[in-house]
Amino acid sequence: MFGGTFDPVHVGHVVAASEARWALGLDRVLLVVAADPWQKRGDVVAPAADRLDLVRAAVDGIAGLEASDVEVARGGPSVTADTLEALGAPGRDLVLILGADAAAGLGTWRRAGDLPGLATLAVVERAVDGRVPDPSRGPVLGPAWTVERVAIPRLDVSSTDVRARVASGRPIHGLVPPAVAELIRTRGLYTRP
């Protein structure tokens, strides 16, 4: 599970999901769109349904990557522990994929204490010369966690920058998958600063 606001999804998200799937030998990675990201209330620009469609477009045709509407369909505040419980099943090992910045803030999440019993944590970090950064410099999570580290290529792209570019009429090609750029254009998303 790789959850997020995805406002909008960009190539960095796709690379992180794809690299985590490969590095950890995962059957599939679900990109779970937050319906109501309670920690970002007031900052989310596009409606959940549009963000879900953008993620579907981003992963279309990429083996092992799938958009998930589990949080959108459930509604209410997006709580990762609730989502992991919904995705769990006997014999299914879950992996929660997070960027290093999100992992550092895990202590502020609702039901954070339940997470180690629900999934292995995969911390995605930007590689330096192809190597995962020193784990002692990453988030301190405690002994309850099983943690894997995944290095991804260093890509300077953010949803904030993509939104700003769209609002100012600048190009976003190469920063988002082509199908995502087209959906943003045809739906008129992110046109206001």
C-alpha atoms as a PDB file:
ATOM      1  CA  MET A   1       0.000   0.000   0.000  1.00  0.00           C
ATOM      2  CA  PHE A   2       1.326   3.384  -1.051  1.00  0.00           C
ATOM      3  CA  GLY A   3      -1.147   5.957   0.187  1.00  0.00           C
ATOM      4  CA  GLY A   4      -1.288   9.642  -0.395  1.00  0.00           C
ATOM      5  CA  THR A   5      -3.210  12.708  -1.322  1.00  0.00           C
ATOM      6  CA  PHE A   6      -1.841  12.557  -4.883  1.00  0.00           C
ATOM      7  CA  ASP A   7      -2.863  16.172  -5.547  1.00  0.00           C
ATOM      8  CA  PRO A   8      -1.813  15.518  -8.299  1.00  0.00           C
ATOM      9  CA  VAL A   9       0.037  12.252  -8.769  1.00  0.00           C
ATOM     10  CA  HIS A  10       3.405  12.780 -10.495  1.00  0.00           C
ATOM     11  CA  VAL A  11       6.269  10.715 -11.895  1.00  0.00           C
ATOM     12  CA  GLY A  12       8.002  10.617  -8.514  1.00  0.00           C
ATOM     13  CA  HIS A  13       5.033   8.740  -7.050  1.00  0.00           C
ATOM     14  CA  VAL A  14       5.019   6.274  -9.937  1.00  0.00           C
ATOM     15  CA  VAL A  15       8.777   5.690  -9.681  1.00  0.00           C
ATOM     16  CA  ALA A  16       8.569   5.169  -5.897  1.00  0.00           C
ATOM     17  CA  ALA A  17       5.741   2.629  -6.219  1.00  0.00           C
ATOM     18  CA  SER A  18       7.408   0.793  -9.087  1.00  0.00           C
ATOM     19  CA  GLU A  19      10.826   0.689  -7.425  1.00  0.00           C
ATOM     20  CA  ALA A  20       9.382  -0.512  -4.105  1.00  0.00           C
ATOM     21  CA  ARG A  21       7.509  -3.294  -5.905  1.00  0.00           C
ATOM     22  CA  TRP A  22      10.690  -4.434  -7.638  1.00  0.00           C
ATOM     23  CA  ALA A  23      13.085  -4.015  -4.693  1.00  0.00           C
ATOM     24  CA  LEU A  24      10.833  -5.841  -2.230  1.00  0.00           C
ATOM     25  CA  GLY A  25       9.485  -8.463  -4.623  1.00  0.00           C
ATOM     26  CA  LEU A  26       5.874  -7.398  -4.076  1.00  0.00           C
ATOM     27  CA  ASP A  27       3.029  -8.929  -6.074  1.00  0.00           C
ATOM     28  CA  ARG A  28       1.395  -5.545  -6.470  1.00  0.00           C
ATOM     29  CA  VAL A  29       1.344  -2.043  -5.081  1.00  0.00           C
ATOM     30  CA  LEU A  30      -1.955  -0.299  -4.453  1.00  0.00           C
ATOM     31  CA  LEU A  31      -1.801   3.481  -4.741  1.00  0.00           C
ATOM     32  CA  VAL A  32      -4.488   4.404  -2.214  1.00  0.00           C
ATOM     33  CA  VAL A  33      -5.994   7.851  -2.705  1.00  0.00           C
ATOM     34  CA  ALA A  34      -6.859   9.594   0.569  1.00  0.00           C
ATOM     35  CA  ALA A  35     -10.503  10.608   0.590  1.00  0.00           C
ATOM     36  CA  ASP A  36     -10.194  13.060   3.455  1.00  0.00           C
ATOM     37  CA  PRO A  37      -6.549  13.550   4.414  1.00  0.00           C
ATOM     38  CA  TRP A  38      -7.300  15.041   7.829  1.00  0.00           C
ATOM     39  CA  GLN A  39      -3.746  16.311   8.345  1.00  0.00           C
ATOM     40  CA  LYS A  40      -3.991  18.335   5.124  1.00  0.00           C
ATOM     41  CA  ARG A  41      -7.502  19.742   5.493  1.00  0.00           C
ATOM     42  CA  GLY A  42      -7.745  23.045   3.670  1.00  0.00           C
ATOM     43  CA  ASP A  43      -4.682  22.271   1.549  1.00  0.00           C
ATOM     44  CA  VAL A  44      -6.182  19.670  -0.807  1.00  0.00           C
ATOM     45  CA  VAL A  45      -7.182  21.238  -4.117  1.00  0.00           C
ATOM     46  CA  ALA A  46      -8.834  18.556  -6.274  1.00  0.00           C
ATOM     47  CA  PRO A  47     -11.792  16.416  -5.193  1.00  0.00           C
ATOM     48  CA  ALA A  48     -11.035  12.811  -4.233  1.00  0.00           C
ATOM     49  CA  ALA A  49     -12.816  11.428  -7.316  1.00  0.00           C
ATOM     50  CA  ASP A  50     -10.586  13.485  -9.639  1.00  0.00           C
ATOM     51  CA  ARG A  51      -7.430  12.535  -7.750  1.00  0.00           C
ATOM     52  CA  LEU A  52      -8.440   8.863  -8.010  1.00  0.00           C
ATOM     53  CA  ASP A  53      -8.957   9.207 -11.772  1.00  0.00           C
ATOM     54  CA  LEU A  54      -5.532  10.850 -12.079  1.00  0.00           C
ATOM     55  CA  VAL A  55      -3.906   7.935 -10.237  1.00  0.00           C
ATOM     56  CA  ARG A  56      -5.771   5.431 -12.423  1.00  0.00           C
ATOM     57  CA  ALA A  57      -4.440   7.223 -15.506  1.00  0.00           C
ATOM     58  CA  ALA A  58      -0.901   7.332 -14.066  1.00  0.00           C
ATOM     59  CA  VAL A  59      -0.654   3.584 -13.448  1.00  0.00           C
ATOM     60  CA  ASP A  60      -2.629   2.358 -16.454  1.00  0.00           C
ATOM     61  CA  GLY A  61      -0.546  -0.270 -18.225  1.00  0.00           C
ATOM     62  CA  ILE A  62       2.151  -0.509 -15.527  1.00  0.00           C
ATOM     63  CA  ALA A  63       2.378  -4.108 -14.330  1.00  0.00           C
ATOM     64  CA  GLY A  64       1.800  -4.538 -10.621  1.00  0.00           C
ATOM     65  CA  LEU A  65       0.648  -0.983  -9.918  1.00  0.00           C
ATOM     66  CA  GLU A  66      -3.046  -0.362  -9.237  1.00  0.00           C
ATOM     67  CA  ALA A  67      -5.143   2.590  -8.128  1.00  0.00           C
ATOM     68  CA  SER A  68      -7.282   1.818  -5.085  1.00  0.00           C
ATOM     69  CA  ASP A  69     -10.511   3.514  -4.101  1.00  0.00           C
ATOM     70  CA  VAL A  70     -10.696   1.821  -0.683  1.00  0.00           C
ATOM     71  CA  GLU A  71     -10.524   5.136   1.217  1.00  0.00           C
ATOM     72  CA  VAL A  72     -12.629   7.097  -1.267  1.00  0.00           C
ATOM     73  CA  ALA A  73     -15.367   4.441  -1.160  1.00  0.00           C
ATOM     74  CA  ARG A  74     -15.259   4.317   2.648  1.00  0.00           C
ATOM     75  CA  GLY A  75     -15.427   8.111   3.019  1.00  0.00           C
ATOM     76  CA  GLY A  76     -14.600  10.007   6.176  1.00  0.00           C
ATOM     77  CA  PRO A  77     -11.123  10.789   7.462  1.00  0.00           C
ATOM     78  CA  SER A  78      -8.379   8.697   5.898  1.00  0.00           C
ATOM     79  CA  VAL A  79      -6.770   6.641   8.659  1.00  0.00           C
ATOM     80  CA  THR A  80      -4.015   4.308   7.457  1.00  0.00           C
ATOM     81  CA  ALA A  81      -4.634   1.700  10.171  1.00  0.00           C
ATOM     82  CA  ASP A  82      -8.286   1.446   9.081  1.00  0.00           C
ATOM     83  CA  THR A  83      -7.199   1.007   5.474  1.00  0.00           C
ATOM     84  CA  LEU A  84      -4.633  -1.674   6.306  1.00  0.00           C
ATOM     85  CA  GLU A  85      -7.279  -3.545   8.291  1.00  0.00           C
ATOM     86  CA  ALA A  86      -9.642  -3.346   5.297  1.00  0.00           C
ATOM     87  CA  LEU A  87      -6.935  -4.674   2.960  1.00  0.00           C
ATOM     88  CA  GLY A  88      -5.765  -7.427   5.305  1.00  0.00           C
ATOM     89  CA  ALA A  89      -6.644 -11.074   4.839  1.00  0.00           C
ATOM     90  CA  PRO A  90      -5.319 -14.378   6.189  1.00  0.00           C
ATOM     91  CA  GLY A  91      -1.996 -15.189   4.554  1.00  0.00           C
ATOM     92  CA  ARG A  92      -1.606 -11.693   3.114  1.00  0.00           C
ATOM     93  CA  ASP A  93       1.519  -9.798   4.167  1.00  0.00           C
ATOM     94  CA  LEU A  94       1.037  -6.062   3.849  1.00  0.00           C
ATOM     95  CA  VAL A  95       3.740  -3.486   3.264  1.00  0.00           C
ATOM     96  CA  LEU A  96       3.135   0.195   3.955  1.00  0.00           C
ATOM     97  CA  ILE A  97       5.255   2.275   1.578  1.00  0.00           C
ATOM     98  CA  LEU A  98       6.118   5.777   2.774  1.00  0.00           C
ATOM     99  CA  GLY A  99       8.548   8.486   1.850  1.00  0.00           C
ATOM    100  CA  ALA A 100      11.150   9.270   4.505  1.00  0.00           C
ATOM    101  CA  ASP A 101       9.405  12.563   5.316  1.00  0.00           C
ATOM    102  CA  ALA A 102       6.059  10.829   5.941  1.00  0.00           C
ATOM    103  CA  ALA A 103       7.753   8.087   7.998  1.00  0.00           C
ATOM    104  CA  ALA A 104       9.349  10.741  10.200  1.00  0.00           C
ATOM    105  CA  GLY A 105       5.869  12.031  11.064  1.00  0.00           C
ATOM    106  CA  LEU A 106       4.270   8.656  11.854  1.00  0.00           C
ATOM    107  CA  GLY A 107       3.970   9.540  15.516  1.00  0.00           C
ATOM    108  CA  THR A 108       1.341  12.175  14.673  1.00  0.00           C
ATOM    109  CA  TRP A 109      -0.934   9.750  12.798  1.00  0.00           C
ATOM    110  CA  ARG A 110      -4.218   8.459  14.193  1.00  0.00           C
ATOM    111  CA  ARG A 111      -3.845   4.899  15.518  1.00  0.00           C
ATOM    112  CA  ALA A 112      -0.090   5.003  14.849  1.00  0.00           C
ATOM    113  CA  GLY A 113       0.518   2.431  17.582  1.00  0.00           C
ATOM    114  CA  ASP A 114      -1.543  -0.139  15.677  1.00  0.00           C
ATOM    115  CA  LEU A 115       0.459   0.141  12.462  1.00  0.00           C
ATOM    116  CA  PRO A 116       3.450  -2.121  13.314  1.00  0.00           C
ATOM    117  CA  GLY A 117       1.093  -5.061  13.838  1.00  0.00           C
ATOM    118  CA  LEU A 118      -0.618  -4.476  10.506  1.00  0.00           C
ATOM    119  CA  ALA A 119       2.246  -4.060   8.030  1.00  0.00           C
ATOM    120  CA  THR A 120       5.947  -3.983   7.356  1.00  0.00           C
ATOM    121  CA  LEU A 121       7.119  -0.443   6.715  1.00  0.00           C
ATOM    122  CA  ALA A 122       9.034   0.324   3.522  1.00  0.00           C
ATOM    123  CA  VAL A 123      10.745   3.700   3.699  1.00  0.00           C
ATOM    124  CA  VAL A 124      11.457   5.126   0.255  1.00  0.00           C
ATOM    125  CA  GLU A 125      14.440   7.441   0.177  1.00  0.00           C
ATOM    126  CA  ARG A 126      16.237   9.283  -2.561  1.00  0.00           C
ATOM    127  CA  ALA A 127      19.419   7.465  -3.450  1.00  0.00           C
ATOM    128  CA  VAL A 128      22.824   9.080  -3.228  1.00  0.00           C
ATOM    129  CA  ASP A 129      25.122   7.539  -5.841  1.00  0.00           C
ATOM    130  CA  GLY A 130      22.675   4.618  -6.122  1.00  0.00           C
ATOM    131  CA  ARG A 131      22.808   3.771  -2.414  1.00  0.00           C
ATOM    132  CA  VAL A 132      20.119   4.001   0.238  1.00  0.00           C
ATOM    133  CA  PRO A 133      21.007   6.728   2.730  1.00  0.00           C
ATOM    134  CA  ASP A 134      22.405   5.710   6.106  1.00  0.00           C
ATOM    135  CA  PRO A 135      19.475   4.251   8.122  1.00  0.00           C
ATOM    136  CA  SER A 136      20.747   5.890  11.306  1.00  0.00           C
ATOM    137  CA  ARG A 137      19.885   9.236   9.717  1.00  0.00           C
ATOM    138  CA  GLY A 138      16.325   8.209   8.878  1.00  0.00           C
ATOM    139  CA  PRO A 139      13.216   8.293  11.051  1.00  0.00           C
ATOM    140  CA  VAL A 140      13.448   6.613  14.439  1.00  0.00           C
ATOM    141  CA  LEU A 141      10.508   4.219  14.617  1.00  0.00           C
ATOM    142  CA  GLY A 142      11.237   1.933  17.527  1.00  0.00           C
ATOM    143  CA  PRO A 143      11.659  -1.813  17.913  1.00  0.00           C
ATOM    144  CA  ALA A 144       8.010  -2.719  17.095  1.00  0.00           C
ATOM    145  CA  TRP A 145       8.508  -1.896  13.430  1.00  0.00           C
ATOM    146  CA  THR A 146       9.867  -4.163  10.731  1.00  0.00           C
ATOM    147  CA  VAL A 147      11.454  -1.677   8.337  1.00  0.00           C
ATOM    148  CA  GLU A 148      12.737  -2.099   4.794  1.00  0.00           C
ATOM    149  CA  ARG A 149      14.543   0.691   2.972  1.00  0.00           C
ATOM    150  CA  VAL A 150      14.202   1.348  -0.734  1.00  0.00           C
ATOM    151  CA  ALA A 151      16.381   3.723  -2.743  1.00  0.00           C
ATOM    152  CA  ILE A 152      14.800   5.591  -5.636  1.00  0.00           C
ATOM    153  CA  PRO A 153      16.356   7.918  -8.198  1.00  0.00           C
ATOM    154  CA  ARG A 154      16.594  11.522  -7.151  1.00  0.00           C
ATOM    155  CA  LEU A 155      13.740  13.345  -8.890  1.00  0.00           C
ATOM    156  CA  ASP A 156      12.969  16.963  -8.143  1.00  0.00           C
ATOM    157  CA  VAL A 157       9.206  16.996  -8.611  1.00  0.00           C
ATOM    158  CA  SER A 158       6.410  17.816  -6.203  1.00  0.00           C
ATOM    159  CA  SER A 159       2.654  18.090  -6.360  1.00  0.00           C
ATOM    160  CA  THR A 160       2.946  21.667  -5.079  1.00  0.00           C
ATOM    161  CA  ASP A 161       5.166  22.599  -8.031  1.00  0.00           C
ATOM    162  CA  VAL A 162       2.894  20.831 -10.530  1.00  0.00           C
ATOM    163  CA  ARG A 163      -0.141  22.745  -9.215  1.00  0.00           C
ATOM    164  CA  ALA A 164       1.742  26.047  -9.380  1.00  0.00           C
ATOM    165  CA  ARG A 165       2.864  25.346 -12.939  1.00  0.00           C
ATOM    166  CA  VAL A 166      -0.678  24.557 -14.070  1.00  0.00           C
ATOM    167  CA  ALA A 167      -2.046  27.683 -12.363  1.00  0.00           C
ATOM    168  CA  SER A 168       0.533  29.864 -14.121  1.00  0.00           C
ATOM    169  CA  GLY A 169       0.145  28.165 -17.512  1.00  0.00           C
ATOM    170  CA  ARG A 170       3.601  26.577 -17.479  1.00  0.00           C
ATOM    171  CA  PRO A 171       4.201  23.074 -18.905  1.00  0.00           C
ATOM    172  CA  ILE A 172       3.991  19.960 -16.749  1.00  0.00           C
ATOM    173  CA  HIS A 173       5.064  17.451 -19.396  1.00  0.00           C
ATOM    174  CA  GLY A 174       7.680  15.089 -18.017  1.00  0.00           C
ATOM    175  CA  LEU A 175       6.632  15.852 -14.441  1.00  0.00           C
ATOM    176  CA  VAL A 176       3.406  13.850 -14.682  1.00  0.00           C
ATOM    177  CA  PRO A 177       2.509  10.927 -16.945  1.00  0.00           C
ATOM    178  CA  PRO A 178       0.997  12.121 -20.275  1.00  0.00           C
ATOM    179  CA  ALA A 179      -2.471  10.750 -19.436  1.00  0.00           C
ATOM    180  CA  VAL A 180      -2.424  12.705 -16.158  1.00  0.00           C
ATOM    181  CA  ALA A 181      -1.464  15.924 -17.953  1.00  0.00           C
ATOM    182  CA  GLU A 182      -4.361  15.391 -20.358  1.00  0.00           C
ATOM    183  CA  LEU A 183      -6.890  14.787 -17.561  1.00  0.00           C
ATOM    184  CA  ILE A 184      -5.687  17.876 -15.694  1.00  0.00           C
ATOM    185  CA  ARG A 185      -6.142  19.902 -18.888  1.00  0.00           C
ATOM    186  CA  THR A 186      -9.551  18.543 -19.906  1.00  0.00           C
ATOM    187  CA  ARG A 187     -11.012  18.834 -16.408  1.00  0.00           C
ATOM    188  CA  GLY A 188      -9.530  22.266 -15.765  1.00  0.00           C
ATOM    189  CA  LEU A 189      -7.864  21.133 -12.547  1.00  0.00           C
ATOM    190  CA  TYR A 190      -5.372  23.331 -10.682  1.00  0.00           C
ATOM    191  CA  THR A 191      -6.004  26.396 -12.837  1.00  0.00           C
ATOM    192  CA  ARG A 192      -6.352  28.689  -9.826  1.00  0.00           C
ATOM    193  CA  PRO A 193      -3.343  29.601  -7.683  1.00  0.00           C
END
